[in-house]
Structures are given as structure tokens and as C-alpha cells.
């Protein structure tokens, strides 16, 4: 069983989420836990903000799709195309 990360912390995506124009390494806030309805992998509800601090997406991913922010990482800014 995977150990749950703490709520309300920033996490890094471990894979691309093309439906939200997000890429591996992008940062999101972990805002809630989700139990899989049929016993599969539980998940997290994430909220993503743009560089100005505006919320741009809220979505659910499996727990394996995020990781704790590494202490040796540097945040970067990249352009984000219009969300569909």
C-alpha cells in the first residue's frame, strides 16, 4: 500500500496530463483524497495554479501520478496554452 501524502502541500506530477495541458514535473496542490470505488488505486484531488496564483484546473489522479516535492528541485515557469 502506498503511503498517503499530506493534504495541502505542493506535489509534482509524475506524468503528463494532456487533457489539462500539464506535464510531468508541473506543480499542483494536493487538496483531497479519493477512495477508488471498486478497490483499485486510490487517488488525489489536485488543484493547479498559474504563476499569478489563479486556479486553472482541479482534477483527480491516481496516487502513483504524484510525488512529494524534492528538496533539490528548482521551480520553473513555462507557457500554458489555453485550457479546453
PDB file of N, CA and C in Angstrom:
ATOM      1  N   UNK A   1       0.849  -1.198   0.000  1.00  0.00           N
ATOM      2  CA  UNK A   1       0.000   0.000   0.000  1.00  0.00           C
ATOM      3  C   UNK A   1       0.885   1.248   0.000  1.00  0.00           C
ATOM      4  N   UNK A   2       0.537   2.194  -0.831  1.00  0.00           N
ATOM      5  CA  UNK A   2       1.282   3.436  -0.968  1.00  0.00           C
ATOM      6  C   UNK A   2       0.960   4.365   0.213  1.00  0.00           C
ATOM      7  N   UNK A   3       1.985   5.038   0.753  1.00  0.00           N
ATOM      8  CA  UNK A   3       1.775   5.965   1.854  1.00  0.00           C
ATOM      9  C   UNK A   3       1.161   7.260   1.330  1.00  0.00           C
ATOM     10  N   UNK A   4       0.103   7.738   2.008  1.00  0.00           N
ATOM     11  CA  UNK A   4      -0.553   8.975   1.582  1.00  0.00           C
ATOM     12  C   UNK A   4       0.328  10.175   1.880  1.00  0.00           C
ATOM     13  N   UNK A   5       0.341  11.093   0.944  1.00  0.00           N
ATOM     14  CA  UNK A   5       0.993  12.378   1.161  1.00  0.00           C
ATOM     15  C   UNK A   5       0.050  13.254   1.994  1.00  0.00           C
ATOM     16  N   UNK A   6       0.589  14.262   2.638  1.00  0.00           N
ATOM     17  CA  UNK A   6      -0.220  15.156   3.464  1.00  0.00           C
ATOM     18  C   UNK A   6      -1.034  16.105   2.594  1.00  0.00           C
ATOM     19  N   UNK A   7      -2.244  16.423   3.072  1.00  0.00           N
ATOM     20  CA  UNK A   7      -3.093  17.386   2.384  1.00  0.00           C
ATOM     21  C   UNK A   7      -2.469  18.778   2.407  1.00  0.00           C
ATOM     22  N   UNK A   8      -2.848  19.575   1.455  1.00  0.00           N
ATOM     23  CA  UNK A   8      -2.488  20.993   1.353  1.00  0.00           C
ATOM     24  C   UNK A   8      -0.983  21.227   1.244  1.00  0.00           C
ATOM     25  N   UNK A   9      -0.326  20.329   0.525  1.00  0.00           N
ATOM     26  CA  UNK A   9       1.077  20.555   0.204  1.00  0.00           C
ATOM     27  C   UNK A   9       1.213  20.518  -1.316  1.00  0.00           C
ATOM     28  N   UNK A  10       2.261  21.165  -1.792  1.00  0.00           N
ATOM     29  CA  UNK A  10       2.541  21.114  -3.220  1.00  0.00           C
ATOM     30  C   UNK A  10       3.190  19.784  -3.546  1.00  0.00           C
ATOM     31  N   UNK A  11       2.776  19.213  -4.682  1.00  0.00           N
ATOM     32  CA  UNK A  11       3.317  17.946  -5.163  1.00  0.00           C
ATOM     33  C   UNK A  11       3.715  18.117  -6.626  1.00  0.00           C
ATOM     34  N   UNK A  12       4.524  17.202  -7.112  1.00  0.00           N
ATOM     35  CA  UNK A  12       4.959  17.226  -8.510  1.00  0.00           C
ATOM     36  C   UNK A  12       4.266  16.107  -9.274  1.00  0.00           C
ATOM     37  N   UNK A  13       3.806  16.407 -10.477  1.00  0.00           N
ATOM     38  CA  UNK A  13       3.214  15.369 -11.322  1.00  0.00           C
ATOM     39  C   UNK A  13       4.310  14.425 -11.809  1.00  0.00           C
ATOM     40  N   UNK A  14       4.029  13.145 -11.774  1.00  0.00           N
ATOM     41  CA  UNK A  14       4.981  12.123 -12.242  1.00  0.00           C
ATOM     42  C   UNK A  14       4.731  11.730 -13.688  1.00  0.00           C
ATOM     43  N   UNK A  15       3.703  12.298 -14.293  1.00  0.00           N
ATOM     44  CA  UNK A  15       3.401  12.001 -15.701  1.00  0.00           C
ATOM     45  C   UNK A  15       2.626  13.163 -16.308  1.00  0.00           C
ATOM     46  N   UNK A  16       2.582  13.179 -17.610  1.00  0.00           N
ATOM     47  CA  UNK A  16       1.836  14.208 -18.329  1.00  0.00           C
ATOM     48  C   UNK A  16       0.333  14.022 -18.121  1.00  0.00           C
ATOM     49  N   UNK A  17      -0.394  15.119 -18.093  1.00  0.00           N
ATOM     50  CA  UNK A  17      -1.860  15.125 -18.069  1.00  0.00           C
ATOM     51  C   UNK A  17      -2.320  16.005 -19.237  1.00  0.00           C
ATOM     52  N   UNK A  18      -2.261  15.460 -20.463  1.00  0.00           N
ATOM     53  CA  UNK A  18      -2.529  16.278 -21.650  1.00  0.00           C
ATOM     54  C   UNK A  18      -3.925  16.890 -21.674  1.00  0.00           C
ATOM     55  N   UNK A  19      -4.887  16.260 -21.031  1.00  0.00           N
ATOM     56  CA  UNK A  19      -6.239  16.819 -21.027  1.00  0.00           C
ATOM     57  C   UNK A  19      -6.303  18.157 -20.287  1.00  0.00           C
ATOM     58  N   UNK A  20      -5.280  18.454 -19.464  1.00  0.00           N
ATOM     59  CA  UNK A  20      -5.201  19.733 -18.745  1.00  0.00           C
ATOM     60  C   UNK A  20      -3.985  20.554 -19.177  1.00  0.00           C
ATOM     61  N   UNK A  21      -3.306  20.121 -20.230  1.00  0.00           N
ATOM     62  CA  UNK A  21      -2.107  20.799 -20.731  1.00  0.00           C
ATOM     63  C   UNK A  21      -0.982  20.813 -19.696  1.00  0.00           C
ATOM     64  N   UNK A  22      -0.932  19.795 -18.859  1.00  0.00           N
ATOM     65  CA  UNK A  22       0.083  19.717 -17.809  1.00  0.00           C
ATOM     66  C   UNK A  22       1.111  18.658 -18.154  1.00  0.00           C
ATOM     67  N   UNK A  23       2.329  18.868 -17.681  1.00  0.00           N
ATOM     68  CA  UNK A  23       3.433  17.971 -17.998  1.00  0.00           C
ATOM     69  C   UNK A  23       4.068  17.416 -16.729  1.00  0.00           C
ATOM     70  N   UNK A  24       4.743  16.290 -16.898  1.00  0.00           N
ATOM     71  CA  UNK A  24       5.497  15.714 -15.802  1.00  0.00           C
ATOM     72  C   UNK A  24       6.400  16.791 -15.205  1.00  0.00           C
ATOM     73  N   UNK A  25       6.404  16.896 -13.883  1.00  0.00           N
ATOM     74  CA  UNK A  25       7.202  17.908 -13.212  1.00  0.00           C
ATOM     75  C   UNK A  25       6.437  19.165 -12.850  1.00  0.00           C
ATOM     76  N   UNK A  26       5.247  19.364 -13.444  1.00  0.00           N
ATOM     77  CA  UNK A  26       4.436  20.519 -13.061  1.00  0.00           C
ATOM     78  C   UNK A  26       3.991  20.358 -11.604  1.00  0.00           C
ATOM     79  N   UNK A  27       3.695  21.474 -10.975  1.00  0.00           N
ATOM     80  CA  UNK A  27       3.378  21.505  -9.549  1.00  0.00           C
ATOM     81  C   UNK A  27       1.880  21.684  -9.352  1.00  0.00           C
ATOM     82  N   UNK A  28       1.329  20.959  -8.372  1.00  0.00           N
ATOM     83  CA  UNK A  28      -0.093  21.059  -8.027  1.00  0.00           C
ATOM     84  C   UNK A  28      -0.227  21.020  -6.506  1.00  0.00           C
ATOM     85  N   UNK A  29      -1.358  21.498  -6.007  1.00  0.00           N
ATOM     86  CA  UNK A  29      -1.676  21.431  -4.584  1.00  0.00           C
ATOM     87  C   UNK A  29      -2.560  20.210  -4.354  1.00  0.00           C
ATOM     88  N   UNK A  30      -2.195  19.369  -3.397  1.00  0.00           N
ATOM     89  CA  UNK A  30      -2.996  18.201  -3.043  1.00  0.00           C
ATOM     90  C   UNK A  30      -4.110  18.677  -2.115  1.00  0.00           C
ATOM     91  N   UNK A  31      -5.362  18.604  -2.577  1.00  0.00           N
ATOM     92  CA  UNK A  31      -6.452  19.166  -1.787  1.00  0.00           C
ATOM     93  C   UNK A  31      -7.404  18.131  -1.175  1.00  0.00           C
ATOM     94  N   UNK A  32      -7.348  16.876  -1.627  1.00  0.00           N
ATOM     95  CA  UNK A  32      -8.213  15.867  -1.001  1.00  0.00           C
ATOM     96  C   UNK A  32      -7.800  14.461  -1.448  1.00  0.00           C
ATOM     97  N   UNK A  33      -8.322  13.484  -0.728  1.00  0.00           N
ATOM     98  CA  UNK A  33      -8.106  12.069  -1.041  1.00  0.00           C
ATOM     99  C   UNK A  33      -9.366  11.505  -1.676  1.00  0.00           C
ATOM    100  N   UNK A  34      -9.206  10.499  -2.552  1.00  0.00           N
ATOM    101  CA  UNK A  34     -10.336   9.831  -3.186  1.00  0.00           C
ATOM    102  C   UNK A  34     -10.114   8.329  -3.074  1.00  0.00           C
ATOM    103  N   UNK A  35     -11.110   7.616  -2.560  1.00  0.00           N
ATOM    104  CA  UNK A  35     -11.053   6.163  -2.490  1.00  0.00           C
ATOM    105  C   UNK A  35     -11.611   5.595  -3.784  1.00  0.00           C
ATOM    106  N   UNK A  36     -10.875   4.654  -4.376  1.00  0.00           N
ATOM    107  CA  UNK A  36     -11.350   4.040  -5.623  1.00  0.00           C
ATOM    108  C   UNK A  36     -12.611   3.236  -5.318  1.00  0.00           C
ATOM    109  N   UNK A  37     -13.688   3.416  -6.104  1.00  0.00           N
ATOM    110  CA  UNK A  37     -14.972   2.769  -5.802  1.00  0.00           C
ATOM    111  C   UNK A  37     -14.960   1.248  -5.923  1.00  0.00           C
ATOM    112  N   UNK A  38     -14.053   0.684  -6.704  1.00  0.00           N
ATOM    113  CA  UNK A  38     -14.069  -0.773  -6.873  1.00  0.00           C
ATOM    114  C   UNK A  38     -12.763  -1.425  -6.434  1.00  0.00           C
ATOM    115  N   UNK A  39     -12.048  -0.790  -5.524  1.00  0.00           N
ATOM    116  CA  UNK A  39     -10.856  -1.410  -4.953  1.00  0.00           C
ATOM    117  C   UNK A  39      -9.572  -1.186  -5.720  1.00  0.00           C
ATOM    118  N   UNK A  40      -9.588  -0.365  -6.756  1.00  0.00           N
ATOM    119  CA  UNK A  40      -8.367  -0.058  -7.498  1.00  0.00           C
ATOM    120  C   UNK A  40      -7.504   0.931  -6.722  1.00  0.00           C
ATOM    121  N   UNK A  41      -6.583   1.558  -7.427  1.00  0.00           N
ATOM    122  CA  UNK A  41      -5.677   2.507  -6.784  1.00  0.00           C
ATOM    123  C   UNK A  41      -6.426   3.766  -6.336  1.00  0.00           C
ATOM    124  N   UNK A  42      -6.273   4.118  -5.060  1.00  0.00           N
ATOM    125  CA  UNK A  42      -6.871   5.348  -4.558  1.00  0.00           C
ATOM    126  C   UNK A  42      -6.215   6.543  -5.240  1.00  0.00           C
ATOM    127  N   UNK A  43      -6.822   7.712  -5.083  1.00  0.00           N
ATOM    128  CA  UNK A  43      -6.310   8.871  -5.787  1.00  0.00           C
ATOM    129  C   UNK A  43      -6.262  10.123  -4.951  1.00  0.00           C
ATOM    130  N   UNK A  44      -5.812  11.182  -5.590  1.00  0.00           N
ATOM    131  CA  UNK A  44      -5.743  12.504  -5.007  1.00  0.00           C
ATOM    132  C   UNK A  44      -6.528  13.470  -5.878  1.00  0.00           C
ATOM    133  N   UNK A  45      -7.145  14.459  -5.255  1.00  0.00           N
ATOM    134  CA  UNK A  45      -7.703  15.587  -5.985  1.00  0.00           C
ATOM    135  C   UNK A  45      -6.653  16.686  -5.919  1.00  0.00           C
ATOM    136  N   UNK A  46      -6.288  17.199  -7.085  1.00  0.00           N
ATOM    137  CA  UNK A  46      -5.245  18.216  -7.187  1.00  0.00           C
ATOM    138  C   UNK A  46      -5.833  19.515  -7.723  1.00  0.00           C
ATOM    139  N   UNK A  47      -5.245  20.622  -7.307  1.00  0.00           N
ATOM    140  CA  UNK A  47      -5.578  21.924  -7.871  1.00  0.00           C
ATOM    141  C   UNK A  47      -4.291  22.527  -8.404  1.00  0.00           C
ATOM    142  N   UNK A  48      -4.359  23.044  -9.629  1.00  0.00           N
ATOM    143  CA  UNK A  48      -3.195  23.642 -10.271  1.00  0.00           C
ATOM    144  C   UNK A  48      -3.440  25.140 -10.410  1.00  0.00           C
ATOM    145  N   UNK A  49      -2.402  25.913 -10.140  1.00  0.00           N
ATOM    146  CA  UNK A  49      -2.473  27.371 -10.214  1.00  0.00           C
ATOM    147  C   UNK A  49      -1.504  27.868 -11.278  1.00  0.00           C
ATOM    148  N   UNK A  50      -1.847  28.999 -11.895  1.00  0.00           N
ATOM    149  CA  UNK A  50      -0.895  29.611 -12.823  1.00  0.00           C
ATOM    150  C   UNK A  50       0.113  30.438 -12.013  1.00  0.00           C
ATOM    151  N   UNK A  51       1.072  31.040 -12.682  1.00  0.00           N
ATOM    152  CA  UNK A  51       2.132  31.781 -11.994  1.00  0.00           C
ATOM    153  C   UNK A  51       1.593  32.990 -11.225  1.00  0.00           C
ATOM    154  N   UNK A  52       0.414  33.496 -11.596  1.00  0.00           N
ATOM    155  CA  UNK A  52      -0.194  34.628 -10.898  1.00  0.00           C
ATOM    156  C   UNK A  52      -1.015  34.185  -9.687  1.00  0.00           C
ATOM    157  N   UNK A  53      -1.137  32.854  -9.475  1.00  0.00           N
ATOM    158  CA  UNK A  53      -1.880  32.343  -8.330  1.00  0.00           C
ATOM    159  C   UNK A  53      -3.340  32.057  -8.588  1.00  0.00           C
ATOM    160  N   UNK A  54      -3.767  32.143  -9.848  1.00  0.00           N
ATOM    161  CA  UNK A  54      -5.156  31.842 -10.203  1.00  0.00           C
ATOM    162  C   UNK A  54      -5.324  30.341 -10.401  1.00  0.00           C
ATOM    163  N   UNK A  55      -6.413  29.788  -9.887  1.00  0.00           N
ATOM    164  CA  UNK A  55      -6.708  28.374 -10.076  1.00  0.00           C
ATOM    165  C   UNK A  55      -7.049  28.126 -11.547  1.00  0.00           C
ATOM    166  N   UNK A  56      -6.399  27.133 -12.160  1.00  0.00           N
ATOM    167  CA  UNK A  56      -6.670  26.854 -13.580  1.00  0.00           C
ATOM    168  C   UNK A  56      -7.210  25.449 -13.827  1.00  0.00           C
ATOM    169  N   UNK A  57      -7.102  24.556 -12.830  1.00  0.00           N
ATOM    170  CA  UNK A  57      -7.629  23.198 -13.023  1.00  0.00           C
ATOM    171  C   UNK A  57      -7.750  22.500 -11.678  1.00  0.00           C
ATOM    172  N   UNK A  58      -8.812  21.707 -11.540  1.00  0.00           N
ATOM    173  CA  UNK A  58      -8.989  20.799 -10.404  1.00  0.00           C
ATOM    174  C   UNK A  58      -9.348  19.454 -11.011  1.00  0.00           C
ATOM    175  N   UNK A  59      -8.611  18.411 -10.629  1.00  0.00           N
ATOM    176  CA  UNK A  59      -8.834  17.103 -11.233  1.00  0.00           C
ATOM    177  C   UNK A  59      -8.327  16.003 -10.300  1.00  0.00           C
ATOM    178  N   UNK A  60      -8.681  14.772 -10.629  1.00  0.00           N
ATOM    179  CA  UNK A  60      -8.305  13.605  -9.832  1.00  0.00           C
ATOM    180  C   UNK A  60      -7.287  12.771 -10.593  1.00  0.00           C
ATOM    181  N   UNK A  61      -6.292  12.288  -9.871  1.00  0.00           N
ATOM    182  CA  UNK A  61      -5.279  11.392 -10.437  1.00  0.00           C
ATOM    183  C   UNK A  61      -5.044  10.234  -9.474  1.00  0.00           C
ATOM    184  N   UNK A  62      -4.542   9.095  -9.973  1.00  0.00           N
ATOM    185  CA  UNK A  62      -4.145   8.018  -9.071  1.00  0.00           C
ATOM    186  C   UNK A  62      -2.986   8.480  -8.185  1.00  0.00           C
ATOM    187  N   UNK A  63      -2.859   7.892  -7.008  1.00  0.00           N
ATOM    188  CA  UNK A  63      -1.789   8.264  -6.085  1.00  0.00           C
ATOM    189  C   UNK A  63      -0.411   8.160  -6.728  1.00  0.00           C
ATOM    190  N   UNK A  64      -0.227   7.195  -7.623  1.00  0.00           N
ATOM    191  CA  UNK A  64       1.074   6.990  -8.255  1.00  0.00           C
ATOM    192  C   UNK A  64       1.436   8.093  -9.254  1.00  0.00           C
ATOM    193  N   UNK A  65       0.494   8.995  -9.545  1.00  0.00           N
ATOM    194  CA  UNK A  65       0.739  10.054 -10.535  1.00  0.00           C
ATOM    195  C   UNK A  65       1.401  11.287  -9.937  1.00  0.00           C
ATOM    196  N   UNK A  66       1.618  11.296  -8.606  1.00  0.00           N
ATOM    197  CA  UNK A  66       2.249  12.448  -7.968  1.00  0.00           C
ATOM    198  C   UNK A  66       3.333  12.000  -7.006  1.00  0.00           C
ATOM    199  N   UNK A  67       4.237  12.924  -6.717  1.00  0.00           N
ATOM    200  CA  UNK A  67       5.316  12.661  -5.768  1.00  0.00           C
ATOM    201  C   UNK A  67       5.520  13.888  -4.899  1.00  0.00           C
ATOM    202  N   UNK A  68       6.059  13.667  -3.729  1.00  0.00           N
ATOM    203  CA  UNK A  68       6.423  14.766  -2.844  1.00  0.00           C
ATOM    204  C   UNK A  68       7.434  15.648  -3.561  1.00  0.00           C
ATOM    205  N   UNK A  69       7.353  16.941  -3.323  1.00  0.00           N
ATOM    206  CA  UNK A  69       8.294  17.869  -3.959  1.00  0.00           C
ATOM    207  C   UNK A  69       9.706  17.569  -3.474  1.00  0.00           C
ATOM    208  N   UNK A  70      10.633  17.372  -4.402  1.00  0.00           N
ATOM    209  CA  UNK A  70      12.019  17.114  -3.991  1.00  0.00           C
ATOM    210  C   UNK A  70      12.675  18.386  -3.463  1.00  0.00           C
ATOM    211  N   UNK A  71      13.489  18.242  -2.433  1.00  0.00           N
ATOM    212  CA  UNK A  71      14.122  19.422  -1.827  1.00  0.00           C
ATOM    213  C   UNK A  71      15.249  19.985  -2.689  1.00  0.00           C
ATOM    214  N   UNK A  72      15.708  19.202  -3.666  1.00  0.00           N
ATOM    215  CA  UNK A  72      16.805  19.675  -4.516  1.00  0.00           C
ATOM    216  C   UNK A  72      16.321  20.171  -5.873  1.00  0.00           C
ATOM    217  N   UNK A  73      15.015  20.494  -5.982  1.00  0.00           N
ATOM    218  CA  UNK A  73      14.441  20.944  -7.248  1.00  0.00           C
ATOM    219  C   UNK A  73      14.282  22.465  -7.252  1.00  0.00           C
ATOM    220  N   UNK A  74      14.245  23.020  -8.440  1.00  0.00           N
ATOM    221  CA  UNK A  74      14.002  24.444  -8.643  1.00  0.00           C
ATOM    222  C   UNK A  74      12.713  24.584  -9.442  1.00  0.00           C
ATOM    223  N   UNK A  75      11.817  25.470  -9.017  1.00  0.00           N
ATOM    224  CA  UNK A  75      10.593  25.707  -9.767  1.00  0.00           C
ATOM    225  C   UNK A  75      10.913  26.518 -11.017  1.00  0.00           C
ATOM    226  N   UNK A  76      10.165  26.265 -12.072  1.00  0.00           N
ATOM    227  CA  UNK A  76      10.368  26.974 -13.337  1.00  0.00           C
ATOM    228  C   UNK A  76       9.011  27.415 -13.867  1.00  0.00           C
ATOM    229  N   UNK A  77       9.018  28.357 -14.791  1.00  0.00           N
ATOM    230  CA  UNK A  77       7.796  28.844 -15.412  1.00  0.00           C
ATOM    231  C   UNK A  77       7.837  28.483 -16.886  1.00  0.00           C
ATOM    232  N   UNK A  78       6.716  27.962 -17.389  1.00  0.00           N
ATOM    233  CA  UNK A  78       6.595  27.670 -18.818  1.00  0.00           C
ATOM    234  C   UNK A  78       5.238  28.149 -19.273  1.00  0.00           C
ATOM    235  N   UNK A  79       5.092  28.479 -20.550  1.00  0.00           N
ATOM    236  CA  UNK A  79       3.790  28.933 -21.051  1.00  0.00           C
ATOM    237  C   UNK A  79       2.783  27.787 -21.015  1.00  0.00           C
ATOM    238  N   UNK A  80       1.544  28.139 -20.766  1.00  0.00           N
ATOM    239  CA  UNK A  80       0.452  27.173 -20.759  1.00  0.00           C
ATOM    240  C   UNK A  80      -0.563  27.609 -21.798  1.00  0.00           C
ATOM    241  N   UNK A  81      -0.827  26.726 -22.752  1.00  0.00           N
ATOM    242  CA  UNK A  81      -1.830  27.032 -23.782  1.00  0.00           C
ATOM    243  C   UNK A  81      -3.203  27.119 -23.123  1.00  0.00           C
ATOM    244  N   UNK A  82      -4.113  27.754 -23.790  1.00  0.00           N
ATOM    245  CA  UNK A  82      -5.484  27.892 -23.297  1.00  0.00           C
ATOM    246  C   UNK A  82      -6.069  26.532 -22.957  1.00  0.00           C
ATOM    247  N   UNK A  83      -6.669  26.389 -21.771  1.00  0.00           N
ATOM    248  CA  UNK A  83      -7.316  25.124 -21.397  1.00  0.00           C
ATOM    249  C   UNK A  83      -8.591  24.957 -22.205  1.00  0.00           C
ATOM    250  N   UNK A  84      -8.859  23.717 -22.578  1.00  0.00           N
ATOM    251  CA  UNK A  84     -10.048  23.440 -23.395  1.00  0.00           C
ATOM    252  C   UNK A  84     -11.228  23.116 -22.523  1.00  0.00           C
TER     253      UNK A  84
END
